[in-house]
């Protein structure tokens, strides 16, 4: 990657103008930034509460499909698994997690 591209990525990270392709459930993407959708955020909290109470992905998915039918497509087994492991939900989202040192291009964690 050229130095100019690296510089442009760093500037966009610093300014918060990262271009995301789609917003995860509970968020809305406006002008390149994620905003919380309150109604859906409450559903996400419920999903986490159920998981912390010992419910599995399938049981949570079935509950959500029955309870929140307007969002049914978001609540498959894989949708619930994605939600429970997504960095945006759990607060571990860090851009530029790794960086490349000089030759021989060894990748290191930030």
PDB file of N, CA and C in Angstrom:
ATOM      1  N   UNK A   1       0.855  -1.167   0.000  1.00  0.00           N
ATOM      2  CA  UNK A   1       0.000   0.000   0.000  1.00  0.00           C
ATOM      3  C   UNK A   1       0.901   1.230   0.000  1.00  0.00           C
ATOM      4  N   UNK A   2       0.557   2.198  -0.804  1.00  0.00           N
ATOM      5  CA  UNK A   2       1.395   3.384  -0.914  1.00  0.00           C
ATOM      6  C   UNK A   2       1.294   4.235   0.349  1.00  0.00           C
ATOM      7  N   UNK A   3       2.275   5.073   0.553  1.00  0.00           N
ATOM      8  CA  UNK A   3       2.279   5.968   1.715  1.00  0.00           C
ATOM      9  C   UNK A   3       1.089   6.925   1.669  1.00  0.00           C
ATOM     10  N   UNK A   4       0.699   7.370   0.462  1.00  0.00           N
ATOM     11  CA  UNK A   4      -0.444   8.283   0.337  1.00  0.00           C
ATOM     12  C   UNK A   4      -1.740   7.612   0.785  1.00  0.00           C
ATOM     13  N   UNK A   5      -1.914   6.350   0.420  1.00  0.00           N
ATOM     14  CA  UNK A   5      -3.123   5.627   0.829  1.00  0.00           C
ATOM     15  C   UNK A   5      -3.140   5.432   2.340  1.00  0.00           C
ATOM     16  N   UNK A   6      -1.993   5.067   2.916  1.00  0.00           N
ATOM     17  CA  UNK A   6      -1.915   4.896   4.369  1.00  0.00           C
ATOM     18  C   UNK A   6      -2.263   6.204   5.068  1.00  0.00           C
ATOM     19  N   UNK A   7      -1.708   7.304   4.553  1.00  0.00           N
ATOM     20  CA  UNK A   7      -1.972   8.608   5.138  1.00  0.00           C
ATOM     21  C   UNK A   7      -3.462   8.943   5.073  1.00  0.00           C
ATOM     22  N   UNK A   8      -4.099   8.672   3.915  1.00  0.00           N
ATOM     23  CA  UNK A   8      -5.514   8.997   3.762  1.00  0.00           C
ATOM     24  C   UNK A   8      -6.378   8.155   4.706  1.00  0.00           C
ATOM     25  N   UNK A   9      -6.029   6.869   4.887  1.00  0.00           N
ATOM     26  CA  UNK A   9      -6.768   6.024   5.833  1.00  0.00           C
ATOM     27  C   UNK A   9      -6.626   6.564   7.254  1.00  0.00           C
ATOM     28  N   UNK A  10      -5.422   6.921   7.635  1.00  0.00           N
ATOM     29  CA  UNK A  10      -5.196   7.436   8.985  1.00  0.00           C
ATOM     30  C   UNK A  10      -6.002   8.711   9.222  1.00  0.00           C
ATOM     31  N   UNK A  11      -6.037   9.596   8.236  1.00  0.00           N
ATOM     32  CA  UNK A  11      -6.789  10.847   8.379  1.00  0.00           C
ATOM     33  C   UNK A  11      -8.289  10.576   8.494  1.00  0.00           C
ATOM     34  N   UNK A  12      -8.797   9.622   7.720  1.00  0.00           N
ATOM     35  CA  UNK A  12     -10.218   9.278   7.810  1.00  0.00           C
ATOM     36  C   UNK A  12     -10.544   8.630   9.148  1.00  0.00           C
ATOM     37  N   UNK A  13      -9.633   7.775   9.662  1.00  0.00           N
ATOM     38  CA  UNK A  13      -9.846   7.184  10.983  1.00  0.00           C
ATOM     39  C   UNK A  13      -9.902   8.270  12.042  1.00  0.00           C
ATOM     40  N   UNK A  14      -8.969   9.212  11.968  1.00  0.00           N
ATOM     41  CA  UNK A  14      -8.916  10.291  12.958  1.00  0.00           C
ATOM     42  C   UNK A  14     -10.159  11.171  12.911  1.00  0.00           C
ATOM     43  N   UNK A  15     -10.659  11.450  11.720  1.00  0.00           N
ATOM     44  CA  UNK A  15     -11.826  12.324  11.590  1.00  0.00           C
ATOM     45  C   UNK A  15     -13.146  11.589  11.830  1.00  0.00           C
ATOM     46  N   UNK A  16     -13.098  10.265  11.871  1.00  0.00           N
ATOM     47  CA  UNK A  16     -14.301   9.478  12.088  1.00  0.00           C
ATOM     48  C   UNK A  16     -15.158   9.308  10.853  1.00  0.00           C
ATOM     49  N   UNK A  17     -14.587   9.539   9.686  1.00  0.00           N
ATOM     50  CA  UNK A  17     -15.373   9.442   8.444  1.00  0.00           C
ATOM     51  C   UNK A  17     -15.104   8.143   7.696  1.00  0.00           C
ATOM     52  N   UNK A  18     -15.102   7.042   8.424  1.00  0.00           N
ATOM     53  CA  UNK A  18     -14.902   5.736   7.822  1.00  0.00           C
ATOM     54  C   UNK A  18     -16.169   5.354   7.079  1.00  0.00           C
ATOM     55  N   UNK A  19     -16.017   4.795   5.910  1.00  0.00           N
ATOM     56  CA  UNK A  19     -17.171   4.384   5.113  1.00  0.00           C
ATOM     57  C   UNK A  19     -17.494   2.923   5.412  1.00  0.00           C
ATOM     58  N   UNK A  20     -18.615   2.713   6.066  1.00  0.00           N
ATOM     59  CA  UNK A  20     -19.079   1.355   6.337  1.00  0.00           C
ATOM     60  C   UNK A  20     -20.062   0.955   5.247  1.00  0.00           C
ATOM     61  N   UNK A  21     -20.120  -0.314   4.935  1.00  0.00           N
ATOM     62  CA  UNK A  21     -21.017  -0.783   3.889  1.00  0.00           C
ATOM     63  C   UNK A  21     -22.453  -0.889   4.371  1.00  0.00           C
ATOM     64  N   UNK A  22     -22.648  -1.360   5.576  1.00  0.00           N
ATOM     65  CA  UNK A  22     -23.990  -1.456   6.133  1.00  0.00           C
ATOM     66  C   UNK A  22     -23.895  -1.370   7.651  1.00  0.00           C
ATOM     67  N   UNK A  23     -24.969  -0.966   8.247  1.00  0.00           N
ATOM     68  CA  UNK A  23     -25.001  -0.825   9.703  1.00  0.00           C
ATOM     69  C   UNK A  23     -25.498  -2.115  10.336  1.00  0.00           C
ATOM     70  N   UNK A  24     -24.888  -2.533  11.442  1.00  0.00           N
ATOM     71  CA  UNK A  24     -25.401  -3.701  12.148  1.00  0.00           C
ATOM     72  C   UNK A  24     -26.767  -3.389  12.759  1.00  0.00           C
ATOM     73  N   UNK A  25     -27.520  -4.437  13.070  1.00  0.00           N
ATOM     74  CA  UNK A  25     -28.849  -4.273  13.658  1.00  0.00           C
ATOM     75  C   UNK A  25     -28.732  -3.423  14.926  1.00  0.00           C
ATOM     76  N   UNK A  26     -29.605  -2.423  15.047  1.00  0.00           N
ATOM     77  CA  UNK A  26     -29.575  -1.526  16.193  1.00  0.00           C
ATOM     78  C   UNK A  26     -28.871  -0.215  15.906  1.00  0.00           C
ATOM     79  N   UNK A  27     -28.265  -0.127  14.736  1.00  0.00           N
ATOM     80  CA  UNK A  27     -27.570   1.087  14.316  1.00  0.00           C
ATOM     81  C   UNK A  27     -28.121   1.564  12.984  1.00  0.00           C
ATOM     82  N   UNK A  28     -27.922   2.836  12.725  1.00  0.00           N
ATOM     83  CA  UNK A  28     -28.288   3.427  11.446  1.00  0.00           C
ATOM     84  C   UNK A  28     -27.055   4.141  10.910  1.00  0.00           C
ATOM     85  N   UNK A  29     -26.813   4.014   9.625  1.00  0.00           N
ATOM     86  CA  UNK A  29     -25.657   4.637   8.993  1.00  0.00           C
ATOM     87  C   UNK A  29     -26.103   5.923   8.310  1.00  0.00           C
ATOM     88  N   UNK A  30     -25.562   7.051   8.783  1.00  0.00           N
ATOM     89  CA  UNK A  30     -25.854   8.351   8.172  1.00  0.00           C
ATOM     90  C   UNK A  30     -24.556   9.101   7.987  1.00  0.00           C
ATOM     91  N   UNK A  31     -24.319   9.554   6.787  1.00  0.00           N
ATOM     92  CA  UNK A  31     -23.127  10.351   6.485  1.00  0.00           C
ATOM     93  C   UNK A  31     -21.839   9.670   6.951  1.00  0.00           C
ATOM     94  N   UNK A  32     -21.774   8.357   6.794  1.00  0.00           N
ATOM     95  CA  UNK A  32     -20.570   7.611   7.134  1.00  0.00           C
ATOM     96  C   UNK A  32     -20.376   7.348   8.616  1.00  0.00           C
ATOM     97  N   UNK A  33     -21.368   7.688   9.446  1.00  0.00           N
ATOM     98  CA  UNK A  33     -21.254   7.470  10.884  1.00  0.00           C
ATOM     99  C   UNK A  33     -22.404   6.587  11.365  1.00  0.00           C
ATOM    100  N   UNK A  34     -22.130   5.810  12.404  1.00  0.00           N
ATOM    101  CA  UNK A  34     -23.148   4.935  12.977  1.00  0.00           C
ATOM    102  C   UNK A  34     -23.877   5.653  14.108  1.00  0.00           C
ATOM    103  N   UNK A  35     -25.213   5.552  14.090  1.00  0.00           N
ATOM    104  CA  UNK A  35     -26.047   6.117  15.137  1.00  0.00           C
ATOM    105  C   UNK A  35     -26.936   5.018  15.697  1.00  0.00           C
ATOM    106  N   UNK A  36     -27.142   5.044  17.004  1.00  0.00           N
ATOM    107  CA  UNK A  36     -27.969   4.038  17.674  1.00  0.00           C
ATOM    108  C   UNK A  36     -29.442   4.284  17.356  1.00  0.00           C
ATOM    109  N   UNK A  37     -30.150   3.206  16.994  1.00  0.00           N
ATOM    110  CA  UNK A  37     -31.608   3.248  16.855  1.00  0.00           C
ATOM    111  C   UNK A  37     -32.180   2.712  18.161  1.00  0.00           C
ATOM    112  N   UNK A  38     -32.836   3.566  18.900  1.00  0.00           N
ATOM    113  CA  UNK A  38     -33.248   3.234  20.268  1.00  0.00           C
ATOM    114  C   UNK A  38     -34.120   1.980  20.364  1.00  0.00           C
ATOM    115  N   UNK A  39     -35.118   1.858  19.512  1.00  0.00           N
ATOM    116  CA  UNK A  39     -36.016   0.698  19.577  1.00  0.00           C
ATOM    117  C   UNK A  39     -35.248  -0.598  19.343  1.00  0.00           C
ATOM    118  N   UNK A  40     -34.402  -0.616  18.330  1.00  0.00           N
ATOM    119  CA  UNK A  40     -33.625  -1.814  18.040  1.00  0.00           C
ATOM    120  C   UNK A  40     -32.549  -2.046  19.103  1.00  0.00           C
ATOM    121  N   UNK A  41     -32.034  -0.985  19.691  1.00  0.00           N
ATOM    122  CA  UNK A  41     -31.021  -1.135  20.741  1.00  0.00           C
ATOM    123  C   UNK A  41     -31.598  -1.880  21.946  1.00  0.00           C
ATOM    124  N   UNK A  42     -32.858  -1.641  22.249  1.00  0.00           N
ATOM    125  CA  UNK A  42     -33.506  -2.366  23.349  1.00  0.00           C
ATOM    126  C   UNK A  42     -33.597  -3.861  23.035  1.00  0.00           C
ATOM    127  N   UNK A  43     -33.825  -4.186  21.770  1.00  0.00           N
ATOM    128  CA  UNK A  43     -33.872  -5.596  21.353  1.00  0.00           C
ATOM    129  C   UNK A  43     -32.491  -6.222  21.515  1.00  0.00           C
ATOM    130  N   UNK A  44     -31.454  -5.488  21.134  1.00  0.00           N
ATOM    131  CA  UNK A  44     -30.077  -5.989  21.280  1.00  0.00           C
ATOM    132  C   UNK A  44     -29.780  -6.244  22.755  1.00  0.00           C
ATOM    133  N   UNK A  45     -30.203  -5.343  23.632  1.00  0.00           N
ATOM    134  CA  UNK A  45     -30.002  -5.538  25.070  1.00  0.00           C
ATOM    135  C   UNK A  45     -30.714  -6.804  25.547  1.00  0.00           C
ATOM    136  N   UNK A  46     -31.908  -7.033  25.024  1.00  0.00           N
ATOM    137  CA  UNK A  46     -32.659  -8.234  25.389  1.00  0.00           C
ATOM    138  C   UNK A  46     -31.917  -9.485  24.941  1.00  0.00           C
ATOM    139  N   UNK A  47     -31.372  -9.463  23.729  1.00  0.00           N
ATOM    140  CA  UNK A  47     -30.617 -10.611  23.208  1.00  0.00           C
ATOM    141  C   UNK A  47     -29.429 -10.909  24.125  1.00  0.00           C
ATOM    142  N   UNK A  48     -28.696  -9.872  24.523  1.00  0.00           N
ATOM    143  CA  UNK A  48     -27.556 -10.081  25.417  1.00  0.00           C
ATOM    144  C   UNK A  48     -28.005 -10.594  26.787  1.00  0.00           C
ATOM    145  N   UNK A  49     -29.108 -10.068  27.302  1.00  0.00           N
ATOM    146  CA  UNK A  49     -29.612 -10.529  28.600  1.00  0.00           C
ATOM    147  C   UNK A  49     -29.993 -12.011  28.537  1.00  0.00           C
ATOM    148  N   UNK A  50     -30.659 -12.401  27.463  1.00  0.00           N
ATOM    149  CA  UNK A  50     -31.031 -13.811  27.307  1.00  0.00           C
ATOM    150  C   UNK A  50     -29.795 -14.695  27.233  1.00  0.00           C
ATOM    151  N   UNK A  51     -28.801 -14.247  26.482  1.00  0.00           N
ATOM    152  CA  UNK A  51     -27.562 -15.022  26.339  1.00  0.00           C
ATOM    153  C   UNK A  51     -26.857 -15.154  27.689  1.00  0.00           C
ATOM    154  N   UNK A  52     -26.803 -14.060  28.439  1.00  0.00           N
ATOM    155  CA  UNK A  52     -26.153 -14.094  29.753  1.00  0.00           C
ATOM    156  C   UNK A  52     -26.925 -14.942  30.760  1.00  0.00           C
ATOM    157  N   UNK A  53     -28.198 -15.167  30.486  1.00  0.00           N
ATOM    158  CA  UNK A  53     -29.006 -16.050  31.344  1.00  0.00           C
ATOM    159  C   UNK A  53     -28.963 -17.500  30.889  1.00  0.00           C
ATOM    160  N   UNK A  54     -28.081 -17.803  29.949  1.00  0.00           N
ATOM    161  CA  UNK A  54     -27.865 -19.196  29.565  1.00  0.00           C
ATOM    162  C   UNK A  54     -28.601 -19.672  28.330  1.00  0.00           C
ATOM    163  N   UNK A  55     -29.310 -18.794  27.654  1.00  0.00           N
ATOM    164  CA  UNK A  55     -30.012 -19.199  26.440  1.00  0.00           C
ATOM    165  C   UNK A  55     -29.003 -19.392  25.313  1.00  0.00           C
ATOM    166  N   UNK A  56     -29.253 -20.366  24.460  1.00  0.00           N
ATOM    167  CA  UNK A  56     -28.409 -20.602  23.300  1.00  0.00           C
ATOM    168  C   UNK A  56     -28.866 -19.793  22.098  1.00  0.00           C
ATOM    169  N   UNK A  57     -28.067 -19.814  21.054  1.00  0.00           N
ATOM    170  CA  UNK A  57     -28.366 -19.047  19.835  1.00  0.00           C
ATOM    171  C   UNK A  57     -29.731 -19.423  19.250  1.00  0.00           C
ATOM    172  N   UNK A  58     -29.999 -20.717  19.146  1.00  0.00           N
ATOM    173  CA  UNK A  58     -31.260 -21.166  18.530  1.00  0.00           C
ATOM    174  C   UNK A  58     -32.473 -20.730  19.339  1.00  0.00           C
ATOM    175  N   UNK A  59     -32.385 -20.848  20.648  1.00  0.00           N
ATOM    176  CA  UNK A  59     -33.511 -20.468  21.499  1.00  0.00           C
ATOM    177  C   UNK A  59     -33.744 -18.948  21.439  1.00  0.00           C
ATOM    178  N   UNK A  60     -32.664 -18.176  21.432  1.00  0.00           N
ATOM    179  CA  UNK A  60     -32.786 -16.720  21.315  1.00  0.00           C
ATOM    180  C   UNK A  60     -33.378 -16.351  19.963  1.00  0.00           C
ATOM    181  N   UNK A  61     -32.909 -17.010  18.900  1.00  0.00           N
ATOM    182  CA  UNK A  61     -33.415 -16.731  17.549  1.00  0.00           C
ATOM    183  C   UNK A  61     -34.915 -17.016  17.470  1.00  0.00           C
ATOM    184  N   UNK A  62     -35.348 -18.135  18.013  1.00  0.00           N
ATOM    185  CA  UNK A  62     -36.766 -18.484  17.987  1.00  0.00           C
ATOM    186  C   UNK A  62     -37.593 -17.465  18.773  1.00  0.00           C
ATOM    187  N   UNK A  63     -37.112 -17.101  19.942  1.00  0.00           N
ATOM    188  CA  UNK A  63     -37.813 -16.099  20.758  1.00  0.00           C
ATOM    189  C   UNK A  63     -37.939 -14.773  20.005  1.00  0.00           C
ATOM    190  N   UNK A  64     -36.846 -14.316  19.430  1.00  0.00           N
ATOM    191  CA  UNK A  64     -36.854 -13.028  18.727  1.00  0.00           C
ATOM    192  C   UNK A  64     -37.718 -13.064  17.469  1.00  0.00           C
ATOM    193  N   UNK A  65     -37.703 -14.176  16.751  1.00  0.00           N
ATOM    194  CA  UNK A  65     -38.544 -14.291  15.557  1.00  0.00           C
ATOM    195  C   UNK A  65     -40.016 -14.214  15.916  1.00  0.00           C
ATOM    196  N   UNK A  66     -40.389 -14.777  17.052  1.00  0.00           N
ATOM    197  CA  UNK A  66     -41.792 -14.731  17.494  1.00  0.00           C
ATOM    198  C   UNK A  66     -42.159 -13.385  18.098  1.00  0.00           C
ATOM    199  N   UNK A  67     -41.245 -12.786  18.824  1.00  0.00           N
ATOM    200  CA  UNK A  67     -41.531 -11.548  19.543  1.00  0.00           C
ATOM    201  C   UNK A  67     -41.388 -10.304  18.668  1.00  0.00           C
ATOM    202  N   UNK A  68     -40.379 -10.300  17.809  1.00  0.00           N
ATOM    203  CA  UNK A  68     -40.069  -9.129  16.980  1.00  0.00           C
ATOM    204  C   UNK A  68     -40.192  -9.506  15.510  1.00  0.00           C
ATOM    205  N   UNK A  69     -41.390  -9.869  15.098  1.00  0.00           N
ATOM    206  CA  UNK A  69     -41.586 -10.406  13.743  1.00  0.00           C
ATOM    207  C   UNK A  69     -41.246  -9.406  12.642  1.00  0.00           C
ATOM    208  N   UNK A  70     -41.306  -8.109  12.908  1.00  0.00           N
ATOM    209  CA  UNK A  70     -40.974  -7.121  11.878  1.00  0.00           C
ATOM    210  C   UNK A  70     -39.484  -7.147  11.523  1.00  0.00           C
ATOM    211  N   UNK A  71     -38.647  -7.730  12.381  1.00  0.00           N
ATOM    212  CA  UNK A  71     -37.204  -7.834  12.127  1.00  0.00           C
ATOM    213  C   UNK A  71     -36.778  -9.291  11.954  1.00  0.00           C
ATOM    214  N   UNK A  72     -37.698 -10.132  11.553  1.00  0.00           N
ATOM    215  CA  UNK A  72     -37.491 -11.579  11.526  1.00  0.00           C
ATOM    216  C   UNK A  72     -36.193 -11.987  10.821  1.00  0.00           C
ATOM    217  N   UNK A  73     -35.843 -11.312   9.708  1.00  0.00           N
ATOM    218  CA  UNK A  73     -34.645 -11.703   8.947  1.00  0.00           C
ATOM    219  C   UNK A  73     -33.353 -11.504   9.734  1.00  0.00           C
ATOM    220  N   UNK A  74     -33.362 -10.657  10.746  1.00  0.00           N
ATOM    221  CA  UNK A  74     -32.151 -10.406  11.541  1.00  0.00           C
ATOM    222  C   UNK A  74     -31.912 -11.485  12.589  1.00  0.00           C
ATOM    223  N   UNK A  75     -32.890 -12.351  12.810  1.00  0.00           N
ATOM    224  CA  UNK A  75     -32.815 -13.261  13.943  1.00  0.00           C
ATOM    225  C   UNK A  75     -32.714 -14.729  13.568  1.00  0.00           C
ATOM    226  N   UNK A  76     -31.826 -15.041  12.686  1.00  0.00           N
ATOM    227  CA  UNK A  76     -31.508 -16.444  12.423  1.00  0.00           C
ATOM    228  C   UNK A  76     -30.461 -16.882  13.452  1.00  0.00           C
ATOM    229  N   UNK A  77     -30.141 -18.142  13.468  1.00  0.00           N
ATOM    230  CA  UNK A  77     -29.075 -18.658  14.327  1.00  0.00           C
ATOM    231  C   UNK A  77     -27.797 -17.861  14.080  1.00  0.00           C
ATOM    232  N   UNK A  78     -27.470 -17.673  12.793  1.00  0.00           N
ATOM    233  CA  UNK A  78     -26.232 -16.982  12.440  1.00  0.00           C
ATOM    234  C   UNK A  78     -26.315 -15.483  12.738  1.00  0.00           C
ATOM    235  N   UNK A  79     -27.513 -14.907  12.608  1.00  0.00           N
ATOM    236  CA  UNK A  79     -27.699 -13.504  12.937  1.00  0.00           C
ATOM    237  C   UNK A  79     -27.463 -13.230  14.415  1.00  0.00           C
ATOM    238  N   UNK A  80     -27.964 -14.122  15.255  1.00  0.00           N
ATOM    239  CA  UNK A  80     -27.768 -13.987  16.703  1.00  0.00           C
ATOM    240  C   UNK A  80     -26.292 -14.189  17.047  1.00  0.00           C
ATOM    241  N   UNK A  81     -25.677 -15.186  16.444  1.00  0.00           N
ATOM    242  CA  UNK A  81     -24.251 -15.429  16.702  1.00  0.00           C
ATOM    243  C   UNK A  81     -23.424 -14.221  16.298  1.00  0.00           C
ATOM    244  N   UNK A  82     -23.746 -13.642  15.139  1.00  0.00           N
ATOM    245  CA  UNK A  82     -23.036 -12.459  14.665  1.00  0.00           C
ATOM    246  C   UNK A  82     -23.225 -11.297  15.647  1.00  0.00           C
ATOM    247  N   UNK A  83     -24.455 -11.102  16.095  1.00  0.00           N
ATOM    248  CA  UNK A  83     -24.744 -10.008  17.011  1.00  0.00           C
ATOM    249  C   UNK A  83     -23.951 -10.152  18.317  1.00  0.00           C
ATOM    250  N   UNK A  84     -23.874 -11.358  18.834  1.00  0.00           N
ATOM    251  CA  UNK A  84     -23.208 -11.584  20.108  1.00  0.00           C
ATOM    252  C   UNK A  84     -21.685 -11.553  20.013  1.00  0.00           C
ATOM    253  N   UNK A  85     -21.140 -11.595  18.795  1.00  0.00           N
ATOM    254  CA  UNK A  85     -19.682 -11.553  18.652  1.00  0.00           C
ATOM    255  C   UNK A  85     -19.192 -10.324  17.893  1.00  0.00           C
ATOM    256  N   UNK A  86     -20.096  -9.459  17.470  1.00  0.00           N
ATOM    257  CA  UNK A  86     -19.729  -8.289  16.694  1.00  0.00           C
ATOM    258  C   UNK A  86     -19.049  -7.242  17.568  1.00  0.00           C
ATOM    259  N   UNK A  87     -17.922  -6.735  17.098  1.00  0.00           N
ATOM    260  CA  UNK A  87     -17.143  -5.747  17.849  1.00  0.00           C
ATOM    261  C   UNK A  87     -17.919  -4.477  18.155  1.00  0.00           C
ATOM    262  N   UNK A  88     -18.808  -4.086  17.275  1.00  0.00           N
ATOM    263  CA  UNK A  88     -19.571  -2.856  17.485  1.00  0.00           C
ATOM    264  C   UNK A  88     -20.469  -2.974  18.716  1.00  0.00           C
ATOM    265  N   UNK A  89     -20.997  -4.162  18.953  1.00  0.00           N
ATOM    266  CA  UNK A  89     -21.877  -4.360  20.099  1.00  0.00           C
ATOM    267  C   UNK A  89     -21.100  -4.504  21.402  1.00  0.00           C
ATOM    268  N   UNK A  90     -19.977  -5.197  21.349  1.00  0.00           N
ATOM    269  CA  UNK A  90     -19.256  -5.499  22.593  1.00  0.00           C
ATOM    270  C   UNK A  90     -18.191  -4.464  22.935  1.00  0.00           C
ATOM    271  N   UNK A  91     -18.006  -3.466  22.074  1.00  0.00           N
ATOM    272  CA  UNK A  91     -17.121  -2.348  22.398  1.00  0.00           C
ATOM    273  C   UNK A  91     -15.652  -2.586  22.138  1.00  0.00           C
ATOM    274  N   UNK A  92     -15.313  -3.545  21.299  1.00  0.00           N
ATOM    275  CA  UNK A  92     -13.914  -3.821  20.988  1.00  0.00           C
ATOM    276  C   UNK A  92     -13.509  -3.332  19.606  1.00  0.00           C
ATOM    277  N   UNK A  93     -14.277  -2.446  19.025  1.00  0.00           N
ATOM    278  CA  UNK A  93     -13.999  -1.997  17.665  1.00  0.00           C
ATOM    279  C   UNK A  93     -12.802  -1.051  17.652  1.00  0.00           C
ATOM    280  N   UNK A  94     -11.745  -1.485  17.017  1.00  0.00           N
ATOM    281  CA  UNK A  94     -10.544  -0.676  16.877  1.00  0.00           C
ATOM    282  C   UNK A  94     -10.116  -0.744  15.423  1.00  0.00           C
ATOM    283  N   UNK A  95     -10.028   0.401  14.799  1.00  0.00           N
ATOM    284  CA  UNK A  95      -9.524   0.422  13.437  1.00  0.00           C
ATOM    285  C   UNK A  95      -8.008   0.365  13.486  1.00  0.00           C
ATOM    286  N   UNK A  96      -7.428  -0.167  12.458  1.00  0.00           N
ATOM    287  CA  UNK A  96      -5.972  -0.335  12.361  1.00  0.00           C
ATOM    288  C   UNK A  96      -5.450  -1.200  13.507  1.00  0.00           C
ATOM    289  N   UNK A  97      -6.051  -2.370  13.692  1.00  0.00           N
ATOM    290  CA  UNK A  97      -5.653  -3.276  14.759  1.00  0.00           C
ATOM    291  C   UNK A  97      -4.229  -3.779  14.587  1.00  0.00           C
ATOM    292  N   UNK A  98      -3.829  -3.916  13.370  1.00  0.00           N
ATOM    293  CA  UNK A  98      -2.467  -4.360  13.100  1.00  0.00           C
ATOM    294  C   UNK A  98      -1.798  -3.349  12.194  1.00  0.00           C
ATOM    295  N   UNK A  99      -0.510  -3.357  12.207  1.00  0.00           N
ATOM    296  CA  UNK A  99       0.244  -2.518  11.299  1.00  0.00           C
ATOM    297  C   UNK A  99       1.446  -3.300  10.809  1.00  0.00           C
ATOM    298  N   UNK A 100       1.969  -2.881   9.702  1.00  0.00           N
ATOM    299  CA  UNK A 100       3.084  -3.577   9.071  1.00  0.00           C
ATOM    300  C   UNK A 100       4.365  -2.822   9.371  1.00  0.00           C
ATOM    301  N   UNK A 101       5.359  -3.536   9.896  1.00  0.00           N
ATOM    302  CA  UNK A 101       6.657  -2.931  10.111  1.00  0.00           C
ATOM    303  C   UNK A 101       7.438  -2.984   8.810  1.00  0.00           C
ATOM    304  N   UNK A 102       8.642  -2.557   8.813  1.00  0.00           N
ATOM    305  CA  UNK A 102       9.483  -2.586   7.608  1.00  0.00           C
ATOM    306  C   UNK A 102       9.668  -4.005   7.088  1.00  0.00           C
ATOM    307  N   UNK A 103      10.607  -4.193   6.269  1.00  0.00           N
ATOM    308  CA  UNK A 103      10.891  -5.511   5.699  1.00  0.00           C
ATOM    309  C   UNK A 103      11.261  -6.444   6.839  1.00  0.00           C
ATOM    310  N   UNK A 104      10.806  -7.615   6.947  1.00  0.00           N
ATOM    311  CA  UNK A 104      10.095  -8.453   6.004  1.00  0.00           C
ATOM    312  C   UNK A 104       8.588  -8.376   6.152  1.00  0.00           C
ATOM    313  N   UNK A 105       8.002  -7.238   6.377  1.00  0.00           N
ATOM    314  CA  UNK A 105       6.553  -7.036   6.458  1.00  0.00           C
ATOM    315  C   UNK A 105       5.901  -7.914   7.522  1.00  0.00           C
ATOM    316  N   UNK A 106       6.367  -7.723   8.712  1.00  0.00           N
ATOM    317  CA  UNK A 106       5.827  -8.458   9.845  1.00  0.00           C
ATOM    318  C   UNK A 106       4.638  -7.679  10.413  1.00  0.00           C
ATOM    319  N   UNK A 107       3.503  -8.346  10.588  1.00  0.00           N
ATOM    320  CA  UNK A 107       2.283  -7.713  11.076  1.00  0.00           C
ATOM    321  C   UNK A 107       2.282  -7.766  12.606  1.00  0.00           C
ATOM    322  N   UNK A 108       2.066  -6.607  13.251  1.00  0.00           N
ATOM    323  CA  UNK A 108       2.030  -6.517  14.699  1.00  0.00           C
ATOM    324  C   UNK A 108       0.706  -5.933  15.146  1.00  0.00           C
ATOM    325  N   UNK A 109       0.282  -6.271  16.359  1.00  0.00           N
ATOM    326  CA  UNK A 109      -0.945  -5.704  16.920  1.00  0.00           C
ATOM    327  C   UNK A 109      -0.667  -4.329  17.487  1.00  0.00           C
ATOM    328  N   UNK A 110      -1.674  -3.462  17.405  1.00  0.00           N
ATOM    329  CA  UNK A 110      -1.540  -2.096  17.951  1.00  0.00           C
ATOM    330  C   UNK A 110      -1.563  -2.126  19.456  1.00  0.00           C
TER     331      UNK A 110
END
